[in-house]
Protein backbone atom coordinates (compact mmCIF):
# COMPACT_ATOMS: atom_id res chain seq x y z
CA MET A 1 -17.68 -9.41 10.72
CA VAL A 2 -16.73 -6.01 9.37
CA ALA A 3 -17.97 -4.93 5.95
CA LEU A 4 -16.93 -2.08 3.69
CA ARG A 5 -20.11 -0.64 2.25
CA LEU A 6 -22.02 2.50 1.31
CA ASN A 7 -23.88 4.64 3.84
CA ARG A 8 -26.61 6.70 2.14
CA GLN A 9 -26.73 10.44 2.77
CA GLY A 10 -28.45 13.34 1.04
CA THR A 11 -32.09 13.98 0.27
CA LYS A 12 -34.78 12.34 -1.80
CA ASP A 13 -33.65 12.00 -5.44
CA ARG A 14 -30.22 13.57 -4.58
CA PRO A 15 -28.22 10.78 -2.93
CA TYR A 16 -24.55 10.69 -2.10
CA TYR A 17 -22.79 7.99 -0.15
CA LYS A 18 -20.04 7.62 2.43
CA ILE A 19 -17.79 4.60 2.02
CA VAL A 20 -17.55 3.17 5.54
CA ALA A 21 -16.27 0.25 7.58
CA VAL A 22 -19.21 -1.10 9.58
CA ASP A 23 -20.27 -4.17 11.53
CA ASN A 24 -22.38 -6.13 9.03
CA ARG A 25 -25.17 -6.55 11.60
CA LYS A 26 -25.80 -2.80 11.70
CA ARG A 27 -28.44 -1.18 9.52
CA ARG A 28 -27.47 0.51 6.26
CA ASP A 29 -27.40 4.05 7.63
CA GLY A 30 -26.50 3.16 11.21
CA ARG A 31 -23.38 3.86 13.23
CA TYR A 32 -20.15 3.02 11.43
CA ILE A 33 -16.61 2.38 12.66
CA GLU A 34 -14.65 4.54 10.22
CA GLN A 35 -15.28 6.58 7.08
CA LEU A 36 -12.98 5.66 4.19
CA GLY A 37 -14.26 7.92 1.42
CA THR A 38 -17.26 9.19 -0.54
CA TYR A 39 -19.21 8.32 -3.68
CA ASN A 40 -21.50 10.77 -5.50
CA PRO A 41 -23.47 9.12 -8.33
CA MET A 42 -24.99 12.49 -9.34
CA GLN A 43 -21.59 13.92 -10.31
CA GLU A 44 -20.07 13.47 -13.78
CA GLY A 45 -16.52 12.15 -14.26
CA GLU A 46 -14.58 10.95 -11.22
CA ASN A 47 -17.33 10.79 -8.62
CA TYR A 48 -15.56 9.06 -5.74
CA THR A 49 -12.80 9.57 -3.18
CA LEU A 50 -11.19 6.76 -1.21
CA ASP A 51 -8.34 6.40 1.26
CA LEU A 52 -6.82 3.25 -0.24
CA GLU A 53 -4.44 2.69 2.70
CA LYS A 54 -7.34 2.55 5.17
CA ALA A 55 -9.34 0.26 2.86
CA ASP A 56 -6.39 -2.12 2.46
CA ALA A 57 -5.85 -2.14 6.23
CA TRP A 58 -9.48 -3.16 6.80
CA ILE A 59 -9.34 -5.82 4.08
CA SER A 60 -6.17 -7.26 5.63
CA LYS A 61 -8.07 -7.53 8.94
CA GLY A 62 -10.80 -9.57 7.22
CA ALA A 63 -13.34 -6.94 6.16
CA GLN A 64 -15.47 -7.85 3.14
CA PRO A 65 -16.20 -5.05 0.63
CA SER A 66 -19.60 -4.85 -1.05
CA VAL A 67 -19.76 -5.22 -4.84
CA THR A 68 -19.92 -1.44 -5.39
CA VAL A 69 -17.12 -0.67 -2.93
CA ALA A 70 -14.96 -3.39 -4.50
CA SER A 71 -15.41 -1.78 -7.93
CA ILE A 72 -14.46 1.65 -6.51
CA ILE A 73 -11.34 0.15 -4.90
CA LYS A 74 -10.45 -1.43 -8.24
CA LYS A 75 -10.85 1.95 -10.01
CA VAL A 76 -8.63 3.69 -7.45
CA ARG A 77 -5.92 1.02 -7.82
CA ASN A 78 -5.99 1.31 -11.62
CA ALA A 79 -5.75 5.11 -11.45
CA LYS A 80 -2.44 4.94 -9.54
């Protein structure tokens, strides 16, 4: 099954994340299918980007978003 989740990047104590579509059997930072956006918890204000069309396409194909990715999708939908 495909999952929409965060892929950790950055250095120690300075993380940022890619929002990716990935096979749920892969490890957290392993190879992913497609990058959908980014999330930077160190940044103030709007700290995420997301291609909502790609995310909706993956969800329509049966992908399950993680709790954090689902909340980011919800924020993007409310902003439009």
